[in-house]
Amino acid sequence: MINRYNFKKRANKMSCLEDEISNIVDAFGINDKLNEIKISEVWKECVGESISRFALPTGIKNHKLMVSVENSVWRFELNNHKEEIIKKINEHLQTVKNKKLIKDIVFV
């Protein structure tokens, strides 16, 4: 693994611990995995219990949430509610910088 975080550069500067942890998480590329875990924790709350039985988040790539859906009927129905689901997920996962974590959902 290539270390993209320069520890020596930061050694002489005072900074906020939260900022440093965020920089390290970004540098090592584990931010998406952490966000996947957060989404799986709030998924049932965002879509409801009945939908969560037939659709499960499987990953994030380029701000797109991949969701595995049981069949084409659920895929069609969830596509109709895509914007609402994106809004709820982003509300639950507000970041410090207020960026939208999820910009699109792909139902597969």
N, C-alpha and C. Protein backbone atom coordinates (compact mmCIF):
# COMPACT_ATOMS: atom_id res chain seq x y z
N MET A 1 0.85 -1.18 0.00
CA MET A 1 0.00 0.00 0.00
C MET A 1 0.89 1.24 0.00
N ILE A 2 0.58 2.17 -0.82
CA ILE A 2 1.33 3.41 -0.90
C ILE A 2 0.83 4.34 0.19
N ASN A 3 1.75 4.88 0.95
CA ASN A 3 1.38 5.80 2.02
C ASN A 3 1.28 7.20 1.42
N ARG A 4 0.07 7.68 1.29
CA ARG A 4 -0.15 9.01 0.71
C ARG A 4 -0.25 10.09 1.77
N TYR A 5 -0.08 9.72 3.00
CA TYR A 5 -0.17 10.69 4.09
C TYR A 5 1.24 11.00 4.56
N ASN A 6 1.61 12.25 4.54
CA ASN A 6 2.96 12.66 4.90
C ASN A 6 3.00 13.03 6.38
N PHE A 7 3.44 12.09 7.22
CA PHE A 7 3.48 12.32 8.66
C PHE A 7 4.52 13.37 9.03
N LYS A 8 5.65 13.39 8.34
CA LYS A 8 6.71 14.36 8.65
C LYS A 8 6.24 15.78 8.38
N LYS A 9 5.47 15.97 7.34
CA LYS A 9 4.95 17.30 6.99
C LYS A 9 4.09 17.86 8.11
N ARG A 10 3.34 16.99 8.80
CA ARG A 10 2.42 17.41 9.84
C ARG A 10 3.07 17.50 11.22
N ALA A 11 4.27 17.02 11.37
CA ALA A 11 4.89 16.90 12.69
C ALA A 11 5.06 18.23 13.42
N ASN A 12 5.29 19.29 12.71
CA ASN A 12 5.57 20.57 13.35
C ASN A 12 4.39 21.53 13.38
N LYS A 13 3.23 21.08 12.95
CA LYS A 13 2.07 21.97 12.89
C LYS A 13 1.02 21.54 13.91
N MET A 14 0.38 22.51 14.51
CA MET A 14 -0.75 22.24 15.40
C MET A 14 -2.02 22.22 14.55
N SER A 15 -2.86 21.24 14.78
CA SER A 15 -4.12 21.18 14.06
C SER A 15 -5.13 20.39 14.89
N CYS A 16 -6.35 20.49 14.48
CA CYS A 16 -7.46 19.83 15.15
C CYS A 16 -7.37 18.31 14.92
N LEU A 17 -7.57 17.54 15.97
CA LEU A 17 -7.50 16.09 15.88
C LEU A 17 -8.52 15.54 14.88
N GLU A 18 -9.71 16.11 14.87
CA GLU A 18 -10.75 15.67 13.94
C GLU A 18 -10.30 15.83 12.49
N ASP A 19 -9.64 16.96 12.18
CA ASP A 19 -9.13 17.20 10.83
C ASP A 19 -8.04 16.20 10.47
N GLU A 20 -7.16 15.92 11.41
CA GLU A 20 -6.07 14.98 11.15
C GLU A 20 -6.60 13.57 10.91
N ILE A 21 -7.55 13.14 11.70
CA ILE A 21 -8.13 11.81 11.51
C ILE A 21 -8.83 11.74 10.16
N SER A 22 -9.56 12.78 9.82
CA SER A 22 -10.22 12.83 8.52
C SER A 22 -9.22 12.76 7.37
N ASN A 23 -8.11 13.46 7.50
CA ASN A 23 -7.07 13.44 6.46
C ASN A 23 -6.46 12.05 6.32
N ILE A 24 -6.22 11.38 7.43
CA ILE A 24 -5.64 10.04 7.41
C ILE A 24 -6.61 9.05 6.78
N VAL A 25 -7.88 9.14 7.16
CA VAL A 25 -8.91 8.26 6.59
C VAL A 25 -8.99 8.45 5.09
N ASP A 26 -8.96 9.70 4.63
CA ASP A 26 -9.00 9.98 3.19
C ASP A 26 -7.74 9.46 2.50
N ALA A 27 -6.58 9.67 3.11
CA ALA A 27 -5.31 9.27 2.51
C ALA A 27 -5.21 7.76 2.32
N PHE A 28 -5.75 7.00 3.26
CA PHE A 28 -5.66 5.55 3.16
C PHE A 28 -6.85 4.93 2.43
N GLY A 29 -7.79 5.76 1.99
CA GLY A 29 -8.90 5.28 1.17
C GLY A 29 -9.91 4.41 1.88
N ILE A 30 -10.11 4.63 3.17
CA ILE A 30 -11.08 3.80 3.89
C ILE A 30 -12.39 4.54 4.14
N ASN A 31 -12.50 5.73 3.62
CA ASN A 31 -13.70 6.53 3.83
C ASN A 31 -14.95 5.86 3.26
N ASP A 32 -14.84 5.30 2.04
CA ASP A 32 -16.01 4.65 1.43
C ASP A 32 -16.47 3.45 2.26
N LYS A 33 -15.54 2.67 2.78
CA LYS A 33 -15.92 1.52 3.61
C LYS A 33 -16.62 1.96 4.88
N LEU A 34 -16.13 3.03 5.50
CA LEU A 34 -16.78 3.55 6.70
C LEU A 34 -18.19 4.03 6.38
N ASN A 35 -18.35 4.69 5.24
CA ASN A 35 -19.67 5.17 4.83
C ASN A 35 -20.61 4.01 4.51
N GLU A 36 -20.08 2.93 3.92
CA GLU A 36 -20.90 1.75 3.66
C GLU A 36 -21.45 1.17 4.96
N ILE A 37 -20.61 1.14 5.97
CA ILE A 37 -21.05 0.64 7.28
C ILE A 37 -22.13 1.54 7.85
N LYS A 38 -21.93 2.86 7.76
CA LYS A 38 -22.93 3.80 8.27
C LYS A 38 -24.26 3.63 7.54
N ILE A 39 -24.21 3.48 6.22
CA ILE A 39 -25.44 3.34 5.44
C ILE A 39 -26.16 2.05 5.81
N SER A 40 -25.42 0.96 5.98
CA SER A 40 -26.08 -0.29 6.35
C SER A 40 -26.76 -0.19 7.71
N GLU A 41 -26.22 0.65 8.59
CA GLU A 41 -26.82 0.84 9.91
C GLU A 41 -28.13 1.64 9.85
N VAL A 42 -28.25 2.58 8.92
CA VAL A 42 -29.44 3.43 8.85
C VAL A 42 -30.39 3.05 7.71
N TRP A 43 -30.05 2.02 6.95
CA TRP A 43 -30.83 1.65 5.77
C TRP A 43 -32.29 1.37 6.11
N LYS A 44 -32.54 0.56 7.12
CA LYS A 44 -33.91 0.19 7.49
C LYS A 44 -34.71 1.43 7.89
N GLU A 45 -34.07 2.34 8.58
CA GLU A 45 -34.74 3.58 9.00
C GLU A 45 -35.06 4.47 7.80
N CYS A 46 -34.19 4.46 6.79
CA CYS A 46 -34.39 5.31 5.62
C CYS A 46 -35.47 4.79 4.67
N VAL A 47 -35.54 3.47 4.50
CA VAL A 47 -36.47 2.92 3.51
C VAL A 47 -37.67 2.21 4.12
N GLY A 48 -37.60 1.92 5.40
CA GLY A 48 -38.68 1.19 6.06
C GLY A 48 -38.38 -0.29 6.15
N GLU A 49 -39.02 -0.93 7.09
CA GLU A 49 -38.75 -2.34 7.37
C GLU A 49 -39.13 -3.25 6.21
N SER A 50 -40.29 -3.01 5.60
CA SER A 50 -40.74 -3.89 4.52
C SER A 50 -39.82 -3.84 3.30
N ILE A 51 -39.39 -2.65 2.92
CA ILE A 51 -38.50 -2.51 1.77
C ILE A 51 -37.12 -3.08 2.08
N SER A 52 -36.67 -2.92 3.32
CA SER A 52 -35.33 -3.39 3.67
C SER A 52 -35.21 -4.91 3.59
N ARG A 53 -36.33 -5.62 3.58
CA ARG A 53 -36.28 -7.07 3.42
C ARG A 53 -35.98 -7.48 1.98
N PHE A 54 -36.27 -6.58 1.02
CA PHE A 54 -36.13 -6.92 -0.39
C PHE A 54 -35.02 -6.14 -1.10
N ALA A 55 -34.42 -5.18 -0.42
CA ALA A 55 -33.36 -4.37 -1.02
C ALA A 55 -32.28 -4.08 0.02
N LEU A 56 -31.03 -4.37 -0.33
CA LEU A 56 -29.92 -4.16 0.60
C LEU A 56 -28.77 -3.42 -0.08
N PRO A 57 -28.20 -2.43 0.61
CA PRO A 57 -27.05 -1.72 0.04
C PRO A 57 -25.84 -2.66 -0.02
N THR A 58 -25.10 -2.61 -1.13
CA THR A 58 -23.95 -3.51 -1.30
C THR A 58 -22.62 -2.77 -1.40
N GLY A 59 -22.65 -1.47 -1.70
CA GLY A 59 -21.40 -0.74 -1.81
C GLY A 59 -21.59 0.67 -2.31
N ILE A 60 -20.50 1.43 -2.28
CA ILE A 60 -20.49 2.81 -2.78
C ILE A 60 -19.33 2.94 -3.75
N LYS A 61 -19.60 3.57 -4.88
CA LYS A 61 -18.54 3.85 -5.84
C LYS A 61 -18.86 5.18 -6.52
N ASN A 62 -17.94 6.12 -6.42
CA ASN A 62 -18.10 7.44 -7.03
C ASN A 62 -19.41 8.11 -6.63
N HIS A 63 -19.72 8.11 -5.36
CA HIS A 63 -20.92 8.72 -4.79
C HIS A 63 -22.22 8.05 -5.27
N LYS A 64 -22.10 6.83 -5.81
CA LYS A 64 -23.28 6.05 -6.20
C LYS A 64 -23.42 4.89 -5.24
N LEU A 65 -24.60 4.77 -4.68
CA LEU A 65 -24.89 3.65 -3.78
C LEU A 65 -25.44 2.50 -4.62
N MET A 66 -24.80 1.35 -4.50
CA MET A 66 -25.26 0.15 -5.18
C MET A 66 -26.19 -0.61 -4.23
N VAL A 67 -27.38 -0.93 -4.72
CA VAL A 67 -28.38 -1.62 -3.90
C VAL A 67 -28.84 -2.88 -4.63
N SER A 68 -28.70 -4.00 -3.98
CA SER A 68 -29.17 -5.27 -4.52
C SER A 68 -30.67 -5.40 -4.23
N VAL A 69 -31.44 -5.64 -5.29
CA VAL A 69 -32.90 -5.71 -5.18
C VAL A 69 -33.36 -7.11 -5.59
N GLU A 70 -34.38 -7.61 -4.90
CA GLU A 70 -34.82 -8.99 -5.12
C GLU A 70 -35.35 -9.24 -6.53
N ASN A 71 -36.13 -8.30 -7.10
CA ASN A 71 -36.68 -8.52 -8.43
C ASN A 71 -36.96 -7.19 -9.14
N SER A 72 -37.39 -7.28 -10.37
CA SER A 72 -37.60 -6.09 -11.19
C SER A 72 -38.76 -5.22 -10.70
N VAL A 73 -39.73 -5.82 -10.06
CA VAL A 73 -40.86 -5.05 -9.52
C VAL A 73 -40.36 -4.09 -8.44
N TRP A 74 -39.52 -4.61 -7.53
CA TRP A 74 -38.96 -3.75 -6.49
C TRP A 74 -38.01 -2.71 -7.10
N ARG A 75 -37.25 -3.09 -8.12
CA ARG A 75 -36.35 -2.15 -8.78
C ARG A 75 -37.14 -0.98 -9.36
N PHE A 76 -38.26 -1.27 -10.01
CA PHE A 76 -39.10 -0.23 -10.59
C PHE A 76 -39.66 0.68 -9.49
N GLU A 77 -40.17 0.08 -8.44
CA GLU A 77 -40.78 0.85 -7.35
C GLU A 77 -39.74 1.74 -6.66
N LEU A 78 -38.58 1.19 -6.40
CA LEU A 78 -37.53 1.97 -5.72
C LEU A 78 -36.97 3.07 -6.61
N ASN A 79 -36.92 2.83 -7.90
CA ASN A 79 -36.48 3.89 -8.82
C ASN A 79 -37.42 5.09 -8.75
N ASN A 80 -38.70 4.84 -8.52
CA ASN A 80 -39.67 5.93 -8.39
C ASN A 80 -39.46 6.74 -7.11
N HIS A 81 -38.81 6.16 -6.12
CA HIS A 81 -38.58 6.84 -4.84
C HIS A 81 -37.10 7.15 -4.61
N LYS A 82 -36.31 7.10 -5.66
CA LYS A 82 -34.87 7.26 -5.55
C LYS A 82 -34.45 8.57 -4.88
N GLU A 83 -35.00 9.67 -5.32
CA GLU A 83 -34.62 10.99 -4.77
C GLU A 83 -34.94 11.10 -3.27
N GLU A 84 -36.07 10.56 -2.89
CA GLU A 84 -36.47 10.57 -1.48
C GLU A 84 -35.50 9.74 -0.63
N ILE A 85 -35.10 8.58 -1.15
CA ILE A 85 -34.17 7.72 -0.42
C ILE A 85 -32.81 8.39 -0.30
N ILE A 86 -32.34 9.00 -1.39
CA ILE A 86 -31.05 9.71 -1.36
C ILE A 86 -31.07 10.81 -0.32
N LYS A 87 -32.16 11.57 -0.29
CA LYS A 87 -32.28 12.67 0.67
C LYS A 87 -32.22 12.15 2.10
N LYS A 88 -32.96 11.07 2.39
CA LYS A 88 -32.97 10.52 3.75
C LYS A 88 -31.60 10.00 4.16
N ILE A 89 -30.92 9.31 3.25
CA ILE A 89 -29.59 8.79 3.57
C ILE A 89 -28.62 9.93 3.85
N ASN A 90 -28.62 10.94 3.00
CA ASN A 90 -27.71 12.07 3.20
C ASN A 90 -28.02 12.84 4.48
N GLU A 91 -29.29 12.91 4.87
CA GLU A 91 -29.65 13.56 6.14
C GLU A 91 -29.08 12.79 7.32
N HIS A 92 -29.12 11.47 7.24
CA HIS A 92 -28.59 10.63 8.33
C HIS A 92 -27.07 10.67 8.40
N LEU A 93 -26.44 10.92 7.27
CA LEU A 93 -24.98 10.85 7.20
C LEU A 93 -24.34 12.20 6.94
N GLN A 94 -24.88 13.23 7.52
CA GLN A 94 -24.31 14.56 7.30
C GLN A 94 -22.85 14.57 7.72
N THR A 95 -22.03 15.10 6.84
CA THR A 95 -20.61 15.20 7.14
C THR A 95 -20.30 16.58 7.69
N VAL A 96 -19.11 16.74 8.19
CA VAL A 96 -18.68 18.02 8.74
C VAL A 96 -18.71 19.09 7.66
N LYS A 97 -18.35 18.71 6.44
CA LYS A 97 -18.27 19.67 5.34
C LYS A 97 -19.61 19.84 4.63
N ASN A 98 -20.66 19.17 5.11
CA ASN A 98 -22.01 19.22 4.53
C ASN A 98 -22.03 18.85 3.05
N LYS A 99 -21.19 17.92 2.67
CA LYS A 99 -21.22 17.40 1.30
C LYS A 99 -22.26 16.31 1.21
N LYS A 100 -22.81 16.14 0.02
CA LYS A 100 -23.72 15.02 -0.20
C LYS A 100 -22.87 13.77 -0.41
N LEU A 101 -23.08 12.80 0.44
CA LEU A 101 -22.33 11.55 0.33
C LEU A 101 -22.83 10.74 -0.86
N ILE A 102 -24.14 10.62 -0.97
CA ILE A 102 -24.74 9.84 -2.04
C ILE A 102 -25.41 10.79 -3.03
N LYS A 103 -25.04 10.67 -4.32
CA LYS A 103 -25.64 11.50 -5.35
C LYS A 103 -26.57 10.72 -6.26
N ASP A 104 -26.42 9.39 -6.24
CA ASP A 104 -27.26 8.54 -7.08
C ASP A 104 -27.34 7.16 -6.46
N ILE A 105 -28.37 6.41 -6.84
CA ILE A 105 -28.52 5.03 -6.41
C ILE A 105 -28.71 4.16 -7.66
N VAL A 106 -28.00 3.05 -7.69
CA VAL A 106 -28.15 2.09 -8.78
C VAL A 106 -28.72 0.82 -8.17
N PHE A 107 -29.91 0.44 -8.66
CA PHE A 107 -30.57 -0.76 -8.17
C PHE A 107 -30.22 -1.91 -9.10
N VAL A 108 -29.62 -2.94 -8.55
CA VAL A 108 -29.20 -4.09 -9.37
C VAL A 108 -29.83 -5.37 -8.87
